[in-house]
Protein backbone atom coordinates (compact mmCIF):
# COMPACT_ATOMS: atom_id res chain seq x y z
CA MET A 1 66.30 88.53 98.32
CA ASN A 2 67.70 85.46 96.57
CA ASP A 3 70.81 83.51 97.54
CA GLU A 4 73.06 85.19 94.97
CA GLU A 5 72.19 88.64 96.28
CA LYS A 6 72.81 87.50 99.86
CA LYS A 7 76.17 86.04 98.83
CA SER A 8 77.20 89.30 97.17
CA PHE A 9 76.47 91.15 100.40
CA ASP A 10 78.49 88.55 102.34
CA PHE A 11 81.46 88.83 99.97
CA LEU A 12 81.47 92.63 100.09
CA SER A 13 81.23 92.52 103.86
CA GLU A 14 84.20 90.15 104.11
CA THR A 15 86.29 92.19 101.66
CA THR A 16 85.53 95.34 103.61
CA LYS A 17 86.56 93.65 106.86
CA GLN A 18 89.81 92.42 105.29
CA LEU A 19 90.73 95.94 104.14
CA LEU A 20 89.85 97.30 107.59
CA THR A 21 92.13 94.74 109.22
CA LEU A 22 94.99 95.39 106.82
CA SER A 23 94.70 99.16 107.18
CA THR A 24 94.74 99.10 110.96
CA GLY A 25 97.57 96.56 110.98
CA ILE A 26 99.75 98.57 108.61
CA ILE A 27 99.16 101.77 110.60
CA THR A 28 100.04 99.98 113.82
CA PHE A 29 103.17 98.43 112.31
CA THR A 30 104.48 101.65 110.77
CA VAL A 31 103.73 103.76 113.86
CA THR A 32 105.45 101.21 116.08
CA PHE A 33 108.66 101.18 114.05
CA THR A 34 108.71 104.83 113.00
CA LYS A 35 110.90 105.89 115.90
CA ASP A 36 113.51 103.35 114.79
CA ILE A 37 113.74 104.70 111.24
CA ILE A 38 112.70 108.33 111.52
CA GLY A 39 116.22 109.65 112.04
CA SER A 40 117.40 108.38 108.67
CA VAL A 41 114.63 109.72 106.43
CA THR A 42 114.15 113.05 104.74
CA VAL A 43 111.28 115.43 105.37
CA PHE A 44 109.75 114.44 102.03
CA ASN A 45 109.85 110.73 102.94
CA PHE A 46 108.20 111.42 106.28
CA LEU A 47 105.54 113.48 104.48
CA LEU A 48 104.82 110.44 102.28
CA LEU A 49 104.33 108.36 105.40
CA LYS A 50 101.99 110.91 106.98
CA ILE A 51 99.86 111.06 103.82
CA ALA A 52 99.80 107.25 103.76
CA TRP A 53 98.56 107.21 107.37
CA LEU A 54 95.80 109.68 106.51
CA SER A 55 94.82 107.59 103.48
CA TYR A 56 94.68 104.44 105.62
CA LEU A 57 92.55 106.36 108.13
CA LEU A 58 90.20 107.40 105.31
CA SER A 59 90.05 103.76 104.20
CA ILE A 60 89.11 102.70 107.73
CA VAL A 61 86.36 105.30 108.03
CA ALA A 62 84.99 104.47 104.57
CA GLY A 63 85.07 100.75 105.46
CA ILE A 64 83.04 101.33 108.60
CA LEU A 65 80.55 103.41 106.62
CA THR A 66 80.38 100.63 104.01
CA LEU A 67 79.49 98.09 106.68
CA LEU A 68 76.86 100.44 108.13
CA SER A 69 75.39 100.97 104.65
CA LEU A 70 75.28 97.21 104.07
CA THR A 71 73.45 96.77 107.36
CA ALA A 72 70.94 99.50 106.54
CA THR A 73 70.28 98.11 103.08
CA LEU A 74 69.78 94.57 104.38
CA SER A 75 67.46 95.93 107.06
CA LYS A 76 65.37 97.71 104.44
CA ALA A 77 65.28 94.58 102.30
CA GLY A 78 63.98 92.56 105.24
CA ASN A 79 61.20 95.04 106.02
CA ILE A 80 59.54 95.03 102.57
CA LYS A 81 58.52 91.39 102.30
CA ASN A 82 54.80 92.19 102.29
CA THR A 83 54.81 94.62 99.36
CA THR A 84 53.56 93.51 95.96
CA THR A 85 56.61 94.69 93.98
CA PRO A 86 59.64 94.55 96.25
CA LYS A 87 62.59 96.79 95.36
CA LYS A 88 65.75 95.00 94.33
CA TYR A 89 68.62 95.84 96.65
CA SER A 90 72.16 95.41 95.47
CA ILE A 91 75.72 96.04 96.58
CA TYR A 92 75.85 98.48 93.68
CA ASP A 93 73.35 100.85 95.32
CA SER A 94 74.93 104.29 95.64
CA ASN A 95 74.88 104.33 99.45
CA ILE A 96 77.13 101.24 99.46
CA ARG A 97 79.11 101.72 96.26
CA ILE A 98 80.47 105.19 97.07
CA PHE A 99 81.86 104.22 100.48
CA SER A 100 83.25 100.97 99.12
CA TYR A 101 85.04 102.71 96.25
CA VAL A 102 86.48 105.32 98.62
CA GLN A 103 87.74 102.55 100.89
CA VAL A 104 89.42 100.58 98.12
CA LEU A 105 90.95 103.60 96.35
CA SER A 106 92.30 105.15 99.55
CA PHE A 107 93.74 101.77 100.56
CA ILE A 108 95.51 101.44 97.20
CA LEU A 109 96.83 105.03 97.47
CA ALA A 110 98.03 104.47 101.03
CA THR A 111 99.74 101.20 100.14
CA GLY A 112 101.51 102.85 97.21
CA LEU A 113 102.68 105.71 99.42
CA THR A 114 103.90 103.28 102.07
CA ILE A 115 105.84 101.32 99.47
CA GLY A 116 107.24 104.59 98.11
CA PHE A 117 108.29 105.62 101.62
CA GLY A 118 110.04 102.31 102.15
CA TRP A 119 111.69 102.38 98.75
CA MET A 120 112.98 105.92 99.13
CA SER A 121 114.14 105.30 102.70
CA ILE A 122 116.34 102.36 101.84
CA ASP A 123 117.31 103.27 98.27
CA LYS A 124 120.56 105.11 98.87
CA PRO A 125 123.11 105.26 96.05
CA ALA A 126 126.33 103.36 96.59
CA LYS A 127 129.41 105.42 97.29
CA PRO A 128 131.51 105.57 94.11
CA ILE A 129 135.10 104.41 94.35
CA ASN A 130 137.62 107.17 93.82
CA GLN A 131 139.89 106.56 90.81
CA ASN A 132 142.98 107.31 92.88
CA GLN A 133 141.92 105.15 95.76
CA SER A 134 143.45 101.70 95.77
CA LEU A 135 141.57 98.66 96.83
CA PRO A 136 142.83 96.87 99.92
CA ASN A 137 145.43 94.21 99.27
CA ILE A 138 143.90 90.88 100.17
CA SER A 139 146.15 87.89 99.85
CA PRO A 140 144.65 84.50 99.23
CA ILE A 141 144.76 81.97 102.01
CA LYS A 142 147.33 79.30 101.29
CA PRO A 143 146.32 75.79 102.15
CA THR A 144 148.47 74.13 104.74
CA THR A 145 149.68 70.59 104.46
CA PRO A 146 149.22 68.37 107.46
CA THR A 147 152.42 67.63 109.32
CA LYS A 148 153.39 64.11 110.11
CA THR A 149 153.50 63.28 113.73
CA SER A 150 155.42 60.40 115.13
CA SER A 151 153.44 57.61 116.69
CA PRO A 152 154.60 56.16 120.02
């Protein structure tokens, strides 16, 4: 295996770890603060959040399987050094590619659902002002002039 192939495995491994970290962090954050916001959301909004959590969970599982597939492929590549025509191993092999795609796509879906949940939870229309309702009378503050004091 040449240096470029090794680097591609390293980069995929690091990307997978980053998505694993983000997924677990976002789940932890949203679960921690759910009890603070759950009273003010609709059933549909909470359903979005639950689907997002499941998508993040799928991303985590797919990420772990990606790392295991990378390890297995690198192990196979290390064991065939003595053959006359060694097989080329790549991060695009199906055992790696499928899990990696599932991880990335489920992460993107979960992030979109989480953003949608947040958007719909805080996006409440402003209360329209009634035509007959008068605005409060606010008078401007008049500047005061300093008074002269007598000096002793």
